[in-house]
Protein backbone atom coordinates (compact mmCIF):
# COMPACT_ATOMS: atom_id res chain seq x y z
CA MET A 1 29.20 49.12 -15.06
CA GLN A 2 32.97 48.73 -14.77
CA ARG A 3 33.21 47.20 -18.25
CA VAL A 4 31.27 49.98 -19.98
CA GLY A 5 33.08 52.53 -17.82
CA GLU A 6 36.31 51.37 -19.43
CA LEU A 7 34.75 51.65 -22.88
CA TYR A 8 33.73 55.21 -22.00
CA ARG A 9 37.26 56.00 -20.76
CA LYS A 10 38.67 54.82 -24.10
CA GLY A 11 36.15 56.91 -26.05
CA LEU A 12 34.47 53.88 -27.58
CA VAL A 13 30.99 54.70 -26.24
CA SER A 14 29.21 57.89 -25.24
CA LEU A 15 27.85 58.51 -21.77
CA GLN A 16 24.34 57.62 -22.96
CA GLU A 17 25.56 54.44 -24.66
CA ALA A 18 27.42 53.41 -21.50
CA ALA A 19 24.30 53.92 -19.39
CA THR A 20 22.17 51.96 -21.86
CA GLN A 21 24.64 49.07 -22.00
CA ALA A 22 24.86 48.97 -18.20
CA ASP A 23 21.05 49.14 -17.99
CA VAL A 24 21.13 52.13 -15.62
CA THR A 25 19.99 55.73 -15.88
CA ILE A 26 22.38 58.30 -17.24
CA TYR A 27 22.50 59.86 -13.77
CA GLU A 28 23.49 56.55 -12.17
CA MET A 29 26.20 56.17 -14.79
CA MET A 30 27.44 59.70 -14.13
CA ASP A 31 27.61 58.97 -10.39
CA PHE A 32 29.52 55.75 -11.00
CA LEU A 33 32.00 57.43 -13.35
CA GLN A 34 32.58 60.24 -10.88
CA LYS A 35 33.14 57.84 -7.96
CA GLU A 36 35.53 55.75 -10.04
CA LYS A 37 37.25 58.88 -11.40
CA ILE A 38 36.66 57.71 -14.95
CA ARG A 39 36.99 60.49 -17.52
CA PRO A 40 36.56 60.39 -21.30
CA PRO A 41 39.71 60.74 -23.41
CA LEU A 42 40.84 64.26 -24.22
CA GLU A 43 40.24 65.47 -27.76
CA THR A 44 43.22 66.56 -29.81
CA THR A 45 43.41 70.12 -31.10
CA ASP A 46 43.15 68.81 -34.66
CA LYS A 47 39.96 66.92 -33.84
CA ILE A 48 38.38 69.97 -32.16
CA GLU A 49 39.30 72.19 -35.12
CA SER A 50 37.85 69.64 -37.52
CA VAL A 51 34.54 69.56 -35.63
CA ILE A 52 34.38 73.37 -35.60
CA ASP A 53 35.17 73.58 -39.33
CA ASN A 54 32.50 71.02 -40.17
CA SER A 55 29.96 72.85 -38.02
CA LEU A 56 30.73 76.16 -39.73
CA LYS A 57 30.35 74.56 -43.17
CA LEU A 58 26.99 73.09 -42.18
CA MET A 59 25.78 76.44 -40.86
CA LYS A 60 26.85 78.23 -44.07
CA ASN A 61 25.11 75.61 -46.24
CA LYS A 62 21.93 75.87 -44.19
CA ALA A 63 21.98 79.68 -44.32
CA SER A 64 22.36 79.70 -48.11
CA LYS A 65 19.24 77.55 -48.65
């Protein structure tokens, strides 16, 4: 769990992927990460804005169909 916890910290795997790789439930992985104080990397403002922009474009395209 420590190895995939580090991958999660670096943003290389999602919470679900970490749990799957560690062969534990997502809840067990969440408990482990909390106890070890492992957090995912923070997103940059540019990345957040990009995700929002892409979401808005998708919504507009879907609405126009």
